[in-house]
């Protein structure tokens, strides 16, 4: 019911804004889907570039006190209690939550899906502390 090592690694990458701790866990045959990004990312290298840009932008906003990000481990009842990350992003006073789901093959992440449906608020968190 609770997360895999790769899910924990992904949460730690978000909490520390560090692509390096995640990079070795991404499969060369990788797909990234997001309900917020119209085009799928279909390779490890393209995803790493995307995440580096995203983390750099978040760092700048954090430095100005405009943004915070927290990744928490949990599971979602409507997805047969599938392990997930609930990512809470607060920017300029507005809070958004999304759910990150992963697929794995041979202990490597082959897919990350970012979604707001089903509702991330319905997820059951492993604990209320950040990782």
Protein backbone atom coordinates (compact mmCIF):
# COMPACT_ATOMS: atom_id res chain seq x y z
CA UNK A 1 0.00 0.00 0.00
CA UNK A 2 2.80 2.47 0.79
CA UNK A 3 5.30 3.81 -1.68
CA UNK A 4 8.22 2.26 -3.41
CA UNK A 5 11.78 3.48 -3.13
CA UNK A 6 11.42 5.20 -6.49
CA UNK A 7 8.35 7.09 -5.33
CA UNK A 8 10.25 8.19 -2.23
CA UNK A 9 13.16 9.28 -4.44
CA UNK A 10 10.83 11.31 -6.63
CA UNK A 11 9.31 12.99 -3.55
CA UNK A 12 12.78 13.77 -2.23
CA UNK A 13 13.75 15.25 -5.60
CA UNK A 14 10.76 17.60 -5.41
CA UNK A 15 11.36 18.52 -1.77
CA UNK A 16 15.03 19.30 -2.38
CA UNK A 17 14.54 20.53 -5.98
CA UNK A 18 17.35 18.16 -6.99
CA UNK A 19 17.21 16.41 -10.34
CA UNK A 20 20.49 14.62 -9.60
CA UNK A 21 19.01 12.34 -6.93
CA UNK A 22 16.32 11.20 -9.38
CA UNK A 23 18.21 10.91 -12.66
CA UNK A 24 19.62 7.41 -12.13
CA UNK A 25 16.13 6.06 -11.37
CA UNK A 26 14.59 7.15 -14.70
CA UNK A 27 14.44 4.58 -17.49
CA UNK A 28 15.81 5.46 -20.91
CA UNK A 29 12.36 4.41 -22.18
CA UNK A 30 10.42 7.05 -20.30
CA UNK A 31 7.09 8.83 -20.72
CA UNK A 32 5.84 11.89 -18.83
CA UNK A 33 2.15 12.81 -18.93
CA UNK A 34 0.61 15.81 -17.28
CA UNK A 35 -2.91 17.14 -17.36
CA UNK A 36 -1.23 20.58 -17.33
CA UNK A 37 1.23 20.04 -20.21
CA UNK A 38 -0.40 19.45 -23.61
CA UNK A 39 2.50 17.48 -25.09
CA UNK A 40 3.87 14.26 -23.62
CA UNK A 41 7.59 14.06 -22.90
CA UNK A 42 8.87 10.83 -24.42
CA UNK A 43 12.48 10.44 -23.35
CA UNK A 44 14.62 10.49 -20.25
CA UNK A 45 16.82 13.32 -21.54
CA UNK A 46 13.86 15.54 -22.47
CA UNK A 47 12.25 14.93 -19.08
CA UNK A 48 15.46 15.72 -17.20
CA UNK A 49 15.78 18.99 -19.18
CA UNK A 50 12.13 19.81 -18.39
CA UNK A 51 12.60 19.12 -14.69
CA UNK A 52 15.83 21.14 -14.48
CA UNK A 53 14.02 24.15 -15.99
CA UNK A 54 11.03 23.66 -13.67
CA UNK A 55 13.18 23.30 -10.52
CA UNK A 56 15.28 26.36 -11.49
CA UNK A 57 12.12 28.46 -11.92
CA UNK A 58 10.78 27.25 -8.55
CA UNK A 59 14.09 28.10 -6.85
CA UNK A 60 13.90 31.68 -8.14
CA UNK A 61 10.33 32.08 -6.91
CA UNK A 62 11.26 30.52 -3.55
CA UNK A 63 14.18 32.93 -3.20
CA UNK A 64 11.74 35.82 -3.56
CA UNK A 65 9.35 34.24 -1.05
CA UNK A 66 6.69 33.77 -3.67
CA UNK A 67 6.53 29.97 -3.84
CA UNK A 68 6.76 26.84 -1.75
CA UNK A 69 6.58 23.19 -2.77
CA UNK A 70 6.02 20.09 -0.66
CA UNK A 71 5.79 16.47 -1.82
CA UNK A 72 4.08 14.00 0.51
CA UNK A 73 3.73 10.25 0.15
CA UNK A 74 0.35 8.59 0.32
CA UNK A 75 -2.18 6.54 -1.55
CA UNK A 76 -5.48 7.19 -3.25
CA UNK A 77 -8.59 5.15 -2.35
CA UNK A 78 -10.24 5.63 -5.76
CA UNK A 79 -7.16 4.12 -7.46
CA UNK A 80 -7.23 0.85 -5.50
CA UNK A 81 -4.97 2.48 -2.89
CA UNK A 82 -2.20 3.04 -5.42
CA UNK A 83 0.82 4.74 -3.91
CA UNK A 84 1.28 8.33 -5.02
CA UNK A 85 2.82 11.67 -4.24
CA UNK A 86 0.65 14.62 -3.36
CA UNK A 87 2.49 17.70 -4.52
CA UNK A 88 1.37 20.95 -2.94
CA UNK A 89 2.54 24.12 -4.64
CA UNK A 90 1.79 27.51 -3.17
CA UNK A 91 2.51 30.52 -5.37
CA UNK A 92 1.56 34.09 -4.61
CA UNK A 93 -0.97 32.96 -2.01
CA UNK A 94 -2.69 30.41 -4.25
CA UNK A 95 -2.39 26.72 -3.37
CA UNK A 96 -2.62 23.93 -5.93
CA UNK A 97 -2.38 20.21 -5.32
CA UNK A 98 -1.65 17.55 -7.88
CA UNK A 99 -1.04 13.85 -7.71
CA UNK A 100 2.03 12.14 -9.15
CA UNK A 101 1.77 8.48 -10.09
CA UNK A 102 4.60 6.33 -11.38
CA UNK A 103 5.06 3.09 -13.28
CA UNK A 104 8.20 1.03 -12.89
CA UNK A 105 10.00 -1.70 -14.79
CA UNK A 106 13.05 -3.42 -13.34
CA UNK A 107 13.24 -0.85 -10.54
CA UNK A 108 13.37 2.12 -12.94
CA UNK A 109 10.65 4.72 -13.39
CA UNK A 110 9.16 4.33 -16.87
CA UNK A 111 6.24 6.73 -16.51
CA UNK A 112 5.24 9.70 -14.39
CA UNK A 113 1.68 10.98 -14.61
CA UNK A 114 0.69 14.30 -13.08
CA UNK A 115 -3.02 14.76 -12.52
CA UNK A 116 -5.64 16.67 -10.61
CA UNK A 117 -8.32 14.04 -11.30
CA UNK A 118 -9.03 12.09 -9.15
CA UNK A 119 -8.96 14.83 -6.53
CA UNK A 120 -5.59 14.90 -4.71
CA UNK A 121 -7.42 16.13 -1.59
CA UNK A 122 -8.98 12.65 -1.28
CA UNK A 123 -5.57 10.96 -0.98
CA UNK A 124 -4.57 9.50 2.36
CA UNK A 125 -1.14 10.77 3.33
CA UNK A 126 1.47 8.56 4.92
CA UNK A 127 2.13 11.32 7.45
CA UNK A 128 1.69 15.05 7.63
CA UNK A 129 5.41 15.83 7.61
CA UNK A 130 7.40 16.67 4.52
CA UNK A 131 9.91 14.04 3.54
